[in-house]
Amino acid sequence: MESEQKLPRELIRIERRLEDVLQPITPPAAFVRELQGRLDQEMVKKHKTRKVKNNLLIAGGVLGAAALLITVIRALTSWEKIAASIAKYLPRMGKREQAASI
């Protein structure tokens, strides 16, 4: 009722006239079956597409997490190499400071 009050009177008059003139019909059963079959095929296609997208997202997430994990493990296990390079660098710094003070 509210929508009828918002519409101009001319539109309401046209709508009522169309309701009187146009009578609903029942579509043929063959048409309904064929349309339902096409709609079902489209839904199957969309479902498969969505499933593929979701699987790709999951695979990407797993690969990304694995790469991150490998990077973290390599960084943590190579601390000995980092410490050795720092130990080699520190004596050079001491020699530079001695050379500068002379």
PDB file of N, CA and C in Angstrom:
ATOM      1  N   MET A   1       0.803  -1.185   0.000  1.00  0.00           N
ATOM      2  CA  MET A   1       0.000   0.000   0.000  1.00  0.00           C
ATOM      3  C   MET A   1       0.860   1.269   0.000  1.00  0.00           C
ATOM      4  N   GLU A   2       1.970   1.237   0.747  1.00  0.00           N
ATOM      5  CA  GLU A   2       2.815   2.421   0.805  1.00  0.00           C
ATOM      6  C   GLU A   2       3.398   2.743  -0.559  1.00  0.00           C
ATOM      7  N   SER A   3       3.789   1.705  -1.297  1.00  0.00           N
ATOM      8  CA  SER A   3       4.368   1.943  -2.609  1.00  0.00           C
ATOM      9  C   SER A   3       3.324   2.529  -3.553  1.00  0.00           C
ATOM     10  N   GLU A   4       2.068   2.115  -3.398  1.00  0.00           N
ATOM     11  CA  GLU A   4       1.000   2.666  -4.226  1.00  0.00           C
ATOM     12  C   GLU A   4       0.802   4.144  -3.925  1.00  0.00           C
ATOM     13  N   GLN A   5       0.934   4.528  -2.675  1.00  0.00           N
ATOM     14  CA  GLN A   5       0.766   5.928  -2.310  1.00  0.00           C
ATOM     15  C   GLN A   5       1.902   6.780  -2.864  1.00  0.00           C
ATOM     16  N   LYS A   6       3.078   6.209  -3.003  1.00  0.00           N
ATOM     17  CA  LYS A   6       4.224   6.949  -3.498  1.00  0.00           C
ATOM     18  C   LYS A   6       4.189   7.115  -5.016  1.00  0.00           C
ATOM     19  N   LEU A   7       3.571   6.163  -5.713  1.00  0.00           N
ATOM     20  CA  LEU A   7       3.514   6.231  -7.169  1.00  0.00           C
ATOM     21  C   LEU A   7       2.499   7.285  -7.608  1.00  0.00           C
ATOM     22  N   PRO A   8       2.779   7.952  -8.698  1.00  0.00           N
ATOM     23  CA  PRO A   8       1.781   8.891  -9.228  1.00  0.00           C
ATOM     24  C   PRO A   8       0.522   8.142  -9.643  1.00  0.00           C
ATOM     25  N   ARG A   9      -0.573   8.823  -9.630  1.00  0.00           N
ATOM     26  CA  ARG A   9      -1.866   8.190  -9.930  1.00  0.00           C
ATOM     27  C   ARG A   9      -1.889   7.559 -11.317  1.00  0.00           C
ATOM     28  N   GLU A  10      -1.206   8.174 -12.264  1.00  0.00           N
ATOM     29  CA  GLU A  10      -1.208   7.650 -13.631  1.00  0.00           C
ATOM     30  C   GLU A  10      -0.572   6.260 -13.688  1.00  0.00           C
ATOM     31  N   LEU A  11       0.525   6.078 -12.948  1.00  0.00           N
ATOM     32  CA  LEU A  11       1.184   4.763 -12.920  1.00  0.00           C
ATOM     33  C   LEU A  11       0.296   3.722 -12.254  1.00  0.00           C
ATOM     34  N   ILE A  12      -0.387   4.108 -11.226  1.00  0.00           N
ATOM     35  CA  ILE A  12      -1.296   3.175 -10.546  1.00  0.00           C
ATOM     36  C   ILE A  12      -2.418   2.770 -11.496  1.00  0.00           C
ATOM     37  N   ARG A  13      -2.929   3.706 -12.251  1.00  0.00           N
ATOM     38  CA  ARG A  13      -3.999   3.407 -13.207  1.00  0.00           C
ATOM     39  C   ARG A  13      -3.489   2.445 -14.288  1.00  0.00           C
ATOM     40  N   ILE A  14      -2.265   2.669 -14.777  1.00  0.00           N
ATOM     41  CA  ILE A  14      -1.690   1.788 -15.803  1.00  0.00           C
ATOM     42  C   ILE A  14      -1.478   0.395 -15.239  1.00  0.00           C
ATOM     43  N   GLU A  15      -0.985   0.314 -14.009  1.00  0.00           N
ATOM     44  CA  GLU A  15      -0.751  -0.992 -13.385  1.00  0.00           C
ATOM     45  C   GLU A  15      -2.052  -1.769 -13.246  1.00  0.00           C
ATOM     46  N   ARG A  16      -3.089  -1.126 -12.809  1.00  0.00           N
ATOM     47  CA  ARG A  16      -4.383  -1.814 -12.656  1.00  0.00           C
ATOM     48  C   ARG A  16      -4.923  -2.268 -14.009  1.00  0.00           C
ATOM     49  N   ARG A  17      -4.743  -1.447 -15.032  1.00  0.00           N
ATOM     50  CA  ARG A  17      -5.219  -1.805 -16.371  1.00  0.00           C
ATOM     51  C   ARG A  17      -4.462  -3.039 -16.879  1.00  0.00           C
ATOM     52  N   LEU A  18      -3.144  -3.068 -16.659  1.00  0.00           N
ATOM     53  CA  LEU A  18      -2.354  -4.223 -17.084  1.00  0.00           C
ATOM     54  C   LEU A  18      -2.760  -5.482 -16.341  1.00  0.00           C
ATOM     55  N   GLU A  19      -3.056  -5.364 -15.057  1.00  0.00           N
ATOM     56  CA  GLU A  19      -3.511  -6.533 -14.292  1.00  0.00           C
ATOM     57  C   GLU A  19      -4.811  -7.088 -14.860  1.00  0.00           C
ATOM     58  N   ASP A  20      -5.692  -6.196 -15.340  1.00  0.00           N
ATOM     59  CA  ASP A  20      -6.967  -6.647 -15.904  1.00  0.00           C
ATOM     60  C   ASP A  20      -6.767  -7.295 -17.276  1.00  0.00           C
ATOM     61  N   VAL A  21      -5.866  -6.730 -18.094  1.00  0.00           N
ATOM     62  CA  VAL A  21      -5.699  -7.194 -19.466  1.00  0.00           C
ATOM     63  C   VAL A  21      -4.825  -8.444 -19.541  1.00  0.00           C
ATOM     64  N   LEU A  22      -3.705  -8.454 -18.796  1.00  0.00           N
ATOM     65  CA  LEU A  22      -2.758  -9.559 -18.882  1.00  0.00           C
ATOM     66  C   LEU A  22      -3.097 -10.631 -17.856  1.00  0.00           C
ATOM     67  N   GLN A  23      -3.357 -11.794 -18.337  1.00  0.00           N
ATOM     68  CA  GLN A  23      -3.670 -12.914 -17.465  1.00  0.00           C
ATOM     69  C   GLN A  23      -2.448 -13.841 -17.402  1.00  0.00           C
ATOM     70  N   PRO A  24      -2.094 -14.330 -16.214  1.00  0.00           N
ATOM     71  CA  PRO A  24      -0.947 -15.234 -16.127  1.00  0.00           C
ATOM     72  C   PRO A  24      -1.244 -16.556 -16.841  1.00  0.00           C
ATOM     73  N   ILE A  25      -0.211 -17.111 -17.456  1.00  0.00           N
ATOM     74  CA  ILE A  25      -0.364 -18.394 -18.138  1.00  0.00           C
ATOM     75  C   ILE A  25       0.622 -19.381 -17.540  1.00  0.00           C
ATOM     76  N   THR A  26       0.296 -20.644 -17.653  1.00  0.00           N
ATOM     77  CA  THR A  26       1.183 -21.693 -17.185  1.00  0.00           C
ATOM     78  C   THR A  26       2.072 -22.106 -18.351  1.00  0.00           C
ATOM     79  N   PRO A  27       3.393 -22.036 -18.167  1.00  0.00           N
ATOM     80  CA  PRO A  27       4.284 -22.401 -19.281  1.00  0.00           C
ATOM     81  C   PRO A  27       4.217 -23.907 -19.538  1.00  0.00           C
ATOM     82  N   PRO A  28       4.528 -24.324 -20.751  1.00  0.00           N
ATOM     83  CA  PRO A  28       4.524 -25.753 -21.076  1.00  0.00           C
ATOM     84  C   PRO A  28       5.563 -26.495 -20.225  1.00  0.00           C
ATOM     85  N   ALA A  29       5.243 -27.734 -19.912  1.00  0.00           N
ATOM     86  CA  ALA A  29       6.129 -28.544 -19.062  1.00  0.00           C
ATOM     87  C   ALA A  29       7.488 -28.756 -19.713  1.00  0.00           C
ATOM     88  N   ALA A  30       7.531 -28.920 -21.029  1.00  0.00           N
ATOM     89  CA  ALA A  30       8.803 -29.123 -21.726  1.00  0.00           C
ATOM     90  C   ALA A  30       9.693 -27.889 -21.587  1.00  0.00           C
ATOM     91  N   PHE A  31       9.100 -26.715 -21.673  1.00  0.00           N
ATOM     92  CA  PHE A  31       9.854 -25.478 -21.515  1.00  0.00           C
ATOM     93  C   PHE A  31      10.426 -25.377 -20.103  1.00  0.00           C
ATOM     94  N   VAL A  32       9.622 -25.726 -19.129  1.00  0.00           N
ATOM     95  CA  VAL A  32      10.069 -25.653 -17.729  1.00  0.00           C
ATOM     96  C   VAL A  32      11.223 -26.628 -17.497  1.00  0.00           C
ATOM     97  N   ARG A  33      11.104 -27.860 -18.016  1.00  0.00           N
ATOM     98  CA  ARG A  33      12.177 -28.845 -17.848  1.00  0.00           C
ATOM     99  C   ARG A  33      13.468 -28.382 -18.516  1.00  0.00           C
ATOM    100  N   GLU A  34      13.337 -27.853 -19.740  1.00  0.00           N
ATOM    101  CA  GLU A  34      14.514 -27.403 -20.475  1.00  0.00           C
ATOM    102  C   GLU A  34      15.182 -26.223 -19.757  1.00  0.00           C
ATOM    103  N   LEU A  35      14.385 -25.302 -19.278  1.00  0.00           N
ATOM    104  CA  LEU A  35      14.918 -24.144 -18.550  1.00  0.00           C
ATOM    105  C   LEU A  35      15.576 -24.577 -17.247  1.00  0.00           C
ATOM    106  N   GLN A  36      14.956 -25.489 -16.554  1.00  0.00           N
ATOM    107  CA  GLN A  36      15.534 -25.991 -15.299  1.00  0.00           C
ATOM    108  C   GLN A  36      16.855 -26.709 -15.564  1.00  0.00           C
ATOM    109  N   GLY A  37      16.915 -27.472 -16.639  1.00  0.00           N
ATOM    110  CA  GLY A  37      18.164 -28.156 -16.998  1.00  0.00           C
ATOM    111  C   GLY A  37      19.276 -27.172 -17.290  1.00  0.00           C
ATOM    112  N   ARG A  38      18.967 -26.108 -18.034  1.00  0.00           N
ATOM    113  CA  ARG A  38      19.988 -25.087 -18.325  1.00  0.00           C
ATOM    114  C   ARG A  38      20.442 -24.382 -17.054  1.00  0.00           C
ATOM    115  N   LEU A  39      19.497 -24.077 -16.187  1.00  0.00           N
ATOM    116  CA  LEU A  39      19.859 -23.422 -14.927  1.00  0.00           C
ATOM    117  C   LEU A  39      20.727 -24.330 -14.055  1.00  0.00           C
ATOM    118  N   ASP A  40      20.401 -25.607 -14.034  1.00  0.00           N
ATOM    119  CA  ASP A  40      21.207 -26.564 -13.264  1.00  0.00           C
ATOM    120  C   ASP A  40      22.634 -26.645 -13.817  1.00  0.00           C
ATOM    121  N   GLN A  41      22.765 -26.649 -15.157  1.00  0.00           N
ATOM    122  CA  GLN A  41      24.092 -26.692 -15.764  1.00  0.00           C
ATOM    123  C   GLN A  41      24.900 -25.449 -15.399  1.00  0.00           C
ATOM    124  N   GLU A  42      24.260 -24.306 -15.406  1.00  0.00           N
ATOM    125  CA  GLU A  42      24.957 -23.060 -15.044  1.00  0.00           C
ATOM    126  C   GLU A  42      25.408 -23.100 -13.583  1.00  0.00           C
ATOM    127  N   MET A  43      24.556 -23.635 -12.725  1.00  0.00           N
ATOM    128  CA  MET A  43      24.919 -23.717 -11.297  1.00  0.00           C
ATOM    129  C   MET A  43      26.097 -24.664 -11.095  1.00  0.00           C
ATOM    130  N   VAL A  44      26.121 -25.763 -11.858  1.00  0.00           N
ATOM    131  CA  VAL A  44      27.235 -26.712 -11.759  1.00  0.00           C
ATOM    132  C   VAL A  44      28.524 -26.033 -12.211  1.00  0.00           C
ATOM    133  N   LYS A  45      28.465 -25.265 -13.317  1.00  0.00           N
ATOM    134  CA  LYS A  45      29.650 -24.550 -13.801  1.00  0.00           C
ATOM    135  C   LYS A  45      30.149 -23.554 -12.767  1.00  0.00           C
ATOM    136  N   LYS A  46      29.228 -22.794 -12.191  1.00  0.00           N
ATOM    137  CA  LYS A  46      29.622 -21.799 -11.189  1.00  0.00           C
ATOM    138  C   LYS A  46      30.206 -22.475  -9.952  1.00  0.00           C
ATOM    139  N   HIS A  47      29.624 -23.591  -9.564  1.00  0.00           N
ATOM    140  CA  HIS A  47      30.122 -24.313  -8.394  1.00  0.00           C
ATOM    141  C   HIS A  47      31.541 -24.819  -8.650  1.00  0.00           C
ATOM    142  N   LYS A  48      31.776 -25.362  -9.848  1.00  0.00           N
ATOM    143  CA  LYS A  48      33.119 -25.854 -10.184  1.00  0.00           C
ATOM    144  C   LYS A  48      34.121 -24.706 -10.207  1.00  0.00           C
ATOM    145  N   THR A  49      33.728 -23.580 -10.791  1.00  0.00           N
ATOM    146  CA  THR A  49      34.615 -22.419 -10.851  1.00  0.00           C
ATOM    147  C   THR A  49      34.960 -21.935  -9.450  1.00  0.00           C
ATOM    148  N   ARG A  50      33.959 -21.861  -8.595  1.00  0.00           N
ATOM    149  CA  ARG A  50      34.184 -21.419  -7.216  1.00  0.00           C
ATOM    150  C   ARG A  50      35.095 -22.394  -6.483  1.00  0.00           C
ATOM    151  N   LYS A  51      34.894 -23.687  -6.729  1.00  0.00           N
ATOM    152  CA  LYS A  51      35.716 -24.700  -6.076  1.00  0.00           C
ATOM    153  C   LYS A  51      37.176 -24.598  -6.522  1.00  0.00           C
ATOM    154  N   VAL A  52      37.387 -24.368  -7.822  1.00  0.00           N
ATOM    155  CA  VAL A  52      38.750 -24.216  -8.340  1.00  0.00           C
ATOM    156  C   VAL A  52      39.411 -22.988  -7.731  1.00  0.00           C
ATOM    157  N   LYS A  53      38.687 -21.876  -7.674  1.00  0.00           N
ATOM    158  CA  LYS A  53      39.236 -20.651  -7.082  1.00  0.00           C
ATOM    159  C   LYS A  53      39.610 -20.875  -5.618  1.00  0.00           C
ATOM    160  N   ASN A  54      38.728 -21.516  -4.879  1.00  0.00           N
ATOM    161  CA  ASN A  54      39.012 -21.774  -3.462  1.00  0.00           C
ATOM    162  C   ASN A  54      40.228 -22.679  -3.304  1.00  0.00           C
ATOM    163  N   ASN A  55      40.326 -23.700  -4.151  1.00  0.00           N
ATOM    164  CA  ASN A  55      41.479 -24.602  -4.070  1.00  0.00           C
ATOM    165  C   ASN A  55      42.777 -23.869  -4.401  1.00  0.00           C
ATOM    166  N   LEU A  56      42.731 -22.977  -5.395  1.00  0.00           N
ATOM    167  CA  LEU A  56      43.925 -22.205  -5.734  1.00  0.00           C
ATOM    168  C   LEU A  56      44.322 -21.277  -4.585  1.00  0.00           C
ATOM    169  N   LEU A  57      43.341 -20.664  -3.945  1.00  0.00           N
ATOM    170  CA  LEU A  57      43.642 -19.807  -2.794  1.00  0.00           C
ATOM    171  C   LEU A  57      44.261 -20.605  -1.659  1.00  0.00           C
ATOM    172  N   ILE A  58      43.726 -21.774  -1.404  1.00  0.00           N
ATOM    173  CA  ILE A  58      44.266 -22.621  -0.334  1.00  0.00           C
ATOM    174  C   ILE A  58      45.684 -23.055  -0.678  1.00  0.00           C
ATOM    175  N   ALA A  59      45.892 -23.483  -1.929  1.00  0.00           N
ATOM    176  CA  ALA A  59      47.237 -23.908  -2.345  1.00  0.00           C
ATOM    177  C   ALA A  59      48.226 -22.751  -2.235  1.00  0.00           C
ATOM    178  N   GLY A  60      47.815 -21.570  -2.653  1.00  0.00           N
ATOM    179  CA  GLY A  60      48.680 -20.398  -2.533  1.00  0.00           C
ATOM    180  C   GLY A  60      49.009 -20.081  -1.091  1.00  0.00           C
ATOM    181  N   GLY A  61      48.022 -20.202  -0.215  1.00  0.00           N
ATOM    182  CA  GLY A  61      48.261 -19.963   1.207  1.00  0.00           C
ATOM    183  C   GLY A  61      49.224 -20.971   1.805  1.00  0.00           C
ATOM    184  N   VAL A  62      49.047 -22.224   1.421  1.00  0.00           N
ATOM    185  CA  VAL A  62      49.940 -23.272   1.938  1.00  0.00           C
ATOM    186  C   VAL A  62      51.363 -23.048   1.434  1.00  0.00           C
ATOM    187  N   LEU A  63      51.505 -22.739   0.144  1.00  0.00           N
ATOM    188  CA  LEU A  63      52.846 -22.495  -0.408  1.00  0.00           C
ATOM    189  C   LEU A  63      53.493 -21.264   0.225  1.00  0.00           C
ATOM    190  N   GLY A  64      52.709 -20.223   0.439  1.00  0.00           N
ATOM    191  CA  GLY A  64      53.235 -19.025   1.080  1.00  0.00           C
ATOM    192  C   GLY A  64      53.684 -19.300   2.506  1.00  0.00           C
ATOM    193  N   ALA A  65      52.868 -20.051   3.242  1.00  0.00           N
ATOM    194  CA  ALA A  65      53.228 -20.400   4.619  1.00  0.00           C
ATOM    195  C   ALA A  65      54.483 -21.271   4.645  1.00  0.00           C
ATOM    196  N   ALA A  66      54.593 -22.203   3.697  1.00  0.00           N
ATOM    197  CA  ALA A  66      55.777 -23.062   3.644  1.00  0.00           C
ATOM    198  C   ALA A  66      57.028 -22.234   3.336  1.00  0.00           C
ATOM    199  N   ALA A  67      56.912 -21.293   2.402  1.00  0.00           N
ATOM    200  CA  ALA A  67      58.056 -20.441   2.069  1.00  0.00           C
ATOM    201  C   ALA A  67      58.464 -19.600   3.274  1.00  0.00           C
ATOM    202  N   LEU A  68      57.486 -19.063   3.987  1.00  0.00           N
ATOM    203  CA  LEU A  68      57.779 -18.280   5.185  1.00  0.00           C
ATOM    204  C   LEU A  68      58.457 -19.141   6.244  1.00  0.00           C
ATOM    205  N   LEU A  69      57.948 -20.335   6.433  1.00  0.00           N
ATOM    206  CA  LEU A  69      58.525 -21.240   7.424  1.00  0.00           C
ATOM    207  C   LEU A  69      59.967 -21.605   7.060  1.00  0.00           C
ATOM    208  N   ILE A  70      60.204 -21.910   5.800  1.00  0.00           N
ATOM    209  CA  ILE A  70      61.559 -22.243   5.360  1.00  0.00           C
ATOM    210  C   ILE A  70      62.497 -21.056   5.563  1.00  0.00           C
ATOM    211  N   THR A  71      62.027 -19.861   5.237  1.00  0.00           N
ATOM    212  CA  THR A  71      62.849 -18.661   5.411  1.00  0.00           C
ATOM    213  C   THR A  71      63.193 -18.436   6.874  1.00  0.00           C
ATOM    214  N   VAL A  72      62.221 -18.598   7.750  1.00  0.00           N
ATOM    215  CA  VAL A  72      62.466 -18.417   9.183  1.00  0.00           C
ATOM    216  C   VAL A  72      63.441 -19.467   9.701  1.00  0.00           C
ATOM    217  N   ILE A  73      63.261 -20.712   9.297  1.00  0.00           N
ATOM    218  CA  ILE A  73      64.156 -21.782   9.746  1.00  0.00           C
ATOM    219  C   ILE A  73      65.576 -21.527   9.258  1.00  0.00           C
ATOM    220  N   ARG A  74      65.704 -21.116   7.992  1.00  0.00           N
ATOM    221  CA  ARG A  74      67.051 -20.831   7.467  1.00  0.00           C
ATOM    222  C   ARG A  74      67.688 -19.661   8.206  1.00  0.00           C
ATOM    223  N   ALA A  75      66.890 -18.662   8.540  1.00  0.00           N
ATOM    224  CA  ALA A  75      67.444 -17.512   9.253  1.00  0.00           C
ATOM    225  C   ALA A  75      67.894 -17.910  10.657  1.00  0.00           C
ATOM    226  N   LEU A  76      67.126 -18.766  11.306  1.00  0.00           N
ATOM    227  CA  LEU A  76      67.470 -19.180  12.663  1.00  0.00           C
ATOM    228  C   LEU A  76      68.649 -20.146  12.691  1.00  0.00           C
ATOM    229  N   THR A  77      68.771 -20.984  11.677  1.00  0.00           N
ATOM    230  CA  THR A  77      69.860 -21.966  11.681  1.00  0.00           C
ATOM    231  C   THR A  77      71.161 -21.391  11.149  1.00  0.00           C
ATOM    232  N   SER A  78      71.128 -20.256  10.494  1.00  0.00           N
ATOM    233  CA  SER A  78      72.360 -19.682   9.968  1.00  0.00           C
ATOM    234  C   SER A  78      72.943 -18.639  10.926  1.00  0.00           C
ATOM    235  N   TRP A  79      72.460 -18.602  12.147  1.00  0.00           N
ATOM    236  CA  TRP A  79      72.987 -17.613  13.107  1.00  0.00           C
ATOM    237  C   TRP A  79      74.458 -17.853  13.408  1.00  0.00           C
ATOM    238  N   GLU A  80      74.882 -19.119  13.290  1.00  0.00           N
ATOM    239  CA  GLU A  80      76.299 -19.427  13.537  1.00  0.00           C
ATOM    240  C   GLU A  80      77.173 -18.752  12.478  1.00  0.00           C
ATOM    241  N   LYS A  81      76.721 -18.783  11.234  1.00  0.00           N
ATOM    242  CA  LYS A  81      77.471 -18.132  10.161  1.00  0.00           C
ATOM    243  C   LYS A  81      77.509 -16.623  10.393  1.00  0.00           C
ATOM    244  N   ILE A  82      76.396 -16.078  10.817  1.00  0.00           N
ATOM    245  CA  ILE A  82      76.342 -14.641  11.083  1.00  0.00           C
ATOM    246  C   ILE A  82      77.278 -14.287  12.228  1.00  0.00           C
ATOM    247  N   ALA A  83      77.244 -15.103  13.282  1.00  0.00           N
ATOM    248  CA  ALA A  83      78.123 -14.848  14.429  1.00  0.00           C
ATOM    249  C   ALA A  83      79.588 -14.955  14.020  1.00  0.00           C
ATOM    250  N   ALA A  84      79.926 -15.919  13.175  1.00  0.00           N
ATOM    251  CA  ALA A  84      81.318 -16.079  12.724  1.00  0.00           C
ATOM    252  C   ALA A  84      81.751 -14.878  11.900  1.00  0.00           C
ATOM    253  N   SER A  85      80.870 -14.371  11.040  1.00  0.00           N
ATOM    254  CA  SER A  85      81.248 -13.207  10.238  1.00  0.00           C
ATOM    255  C   SER A  85      81.391 -11.965  11.109  1.00  0.00           C
ATOM    256  N   ILE A  86      80.569 -11.851  12.148  1.00  0.00           N
ATOM    257  CA  ILE A  86      80.703 -10.718  13.080  1.00  0.00           C
ATOM    258  C   ILE A  86      82.017 -10.837  13.846  1.00  0.00           C
ATOM    259  N   ALA A  87      82.344 -12.058  14.265  1.00  0.00           N
ATOM    260  CA  ALA A  87      83.590 -12.267  15.009  1.00  0.00           C
ATOM    261  C   ALA A  87      84.796 -11.913  14.139  1.00  0.00           C
ATOM    262  N   LYS A  88      84.720 -12.188  12.847  1.00  0.00           N
ATOM    263  CA  LYS A  88      85.819 -11.824  11.950  1.00  0.00           C
ATOM    264  C   LYS A  88      85.887 -10.311  11.760  1.00  0.00           C
ATOM    265  N   TYR A  89      84.736  -9.671  11.773  1.00  0.00           N
ATOM    266  CA  TYR A  89      84.665  -8.233  11.515  1.00  0.00           C
ATOM    267  C   TYR A  89      85.145  -7.419  12.722  1.00  0.00           C
ATOM    268  N   LEU A  90      84.863  -7.899  13.946  1.00  0.00           N
ATOM    269  CA  LEU A  90      85.213  -7.147  15.155  1.00  0.00           C
ATOM    270  C   LEU A  90      86.716  -6.904  15.306  1.00  0.00           C
ATOM    271  N   PRO A  91      87.590  -7.873  15.085  1.00  0.00           N
ATOM    272  CA  PRO A  91      89.027  -7.577  15.209  1.00  0.00           C
ATOM    273  C   PRO A  91      89.481  -6.507  14.224  1.00  0.00           C
ATOM    274  N   ARG A  92      88.911  -6.475  13.045  1.00  0.00           N
ATOM    275  CA  ARG A  92      89.264  -5.441  12.074  1.00  0.00           C
ATOM    276  C   ARG A  92      88.888  -4.067  12.600  1.00  0.00           C
ATOM    277  N   MET A  93      87.734  -3.994  13.253  1.00  0.00           N
ATOM    278  CA  MET A  93      87.305  -2.715  13.821  1.00  0.00           C
ATOM    279  C   MET A  93      88.290  -2.249  14.879  1.00  0.00           C
ATOM    280  N   GLY A  94      88.774  -3.173  15.717  1.00  0.00           N
ATOM    281  CA  GLY A  94      89.759  -2.820  16.741  1.00  0.00           C
ATOM    282  C   GLY A  94      91.037  -2.299  16.131  1.00  0.00           C
ATOM    283  N   LYS A  95      91.483  -2.936  15.048  1.00  0.00           N
ATOM    284  CA  LYS A  95      92.720  -2.494  14.377  1.00  0.00           C
ATOM    285  C   LYS A  95      92.522  -1.111  13.768  1.00  0.00           C
ATOM    286  N   ARG A  96      91.331  -0.839  13.235  1.00  0.00           N
ATOM    287  CA  ARG A  96      91.064   0.474  12.645  1.00  0.00           C
ATOM    288  C   ARG A  96      91.105   1.556  13.730  1.00  0.00           C
ATOM    289  N   GLU A  97      90.530   1.233  14.885  1.00  0.00           N
ATOM    290  CA  GLU A  97      90.517   2.206  15.978  1.00  0.00           C
ATOM    291  C   GLU A  97      91.951   2.466  16.479  1.00  0.00           C
ATOM    292  N   GLN A  98      92.760   1.413  16.558  1.00  0.00           N
ATOM    293  CA  GLN A  98      94.154   1.592  16.970  1.00  0.00           C
ATOM    294  C   GLN A  98      94.926   2.429  15.958  1.00  0.00           C
ATOM    295  N   ALA A  99      94.673   2.160  14.690  1.00  0.00           N
ATOM    296  CA  ALA A  99      95.374   2.902  13.634  1.00  0.00           C
ATOM    297  C   ALA A  99      94.986   4.376  13.669  1.00  0.00           C
ATOM    298  N   ALA A 100      93.738   4.643  13.979  1.00  0.00           N
ATOM    299  CA  ALA A 100      93.279   6.031  14.008  1.00  0.00           C
ATOM    300  C   ALA A 100      93.844   6.777  15.213  1.00  0.00           C
ATOM    301  N   SER A 101      94.116   6.080  16.301  1.00  0.00           N
ATOM    302  CA  SER A 101      94.599   6.750  17.497  1.00  0.00           C
ATOM    303  C   SER A 101      96.098   7.023  17.450  1.00  0.00           C
ATOM    304  N   ILE A 102      96.799   6.369  16.566  1.00  0.00           N
ATOM    305  CA  ILE A 102      98.253   6.543  16.495  1.00  0.00           C
ATOM    306  C   ILE A 102      98.650   7.808  15.856  1.00  0.00           C
TER     307      ILE A 102
END
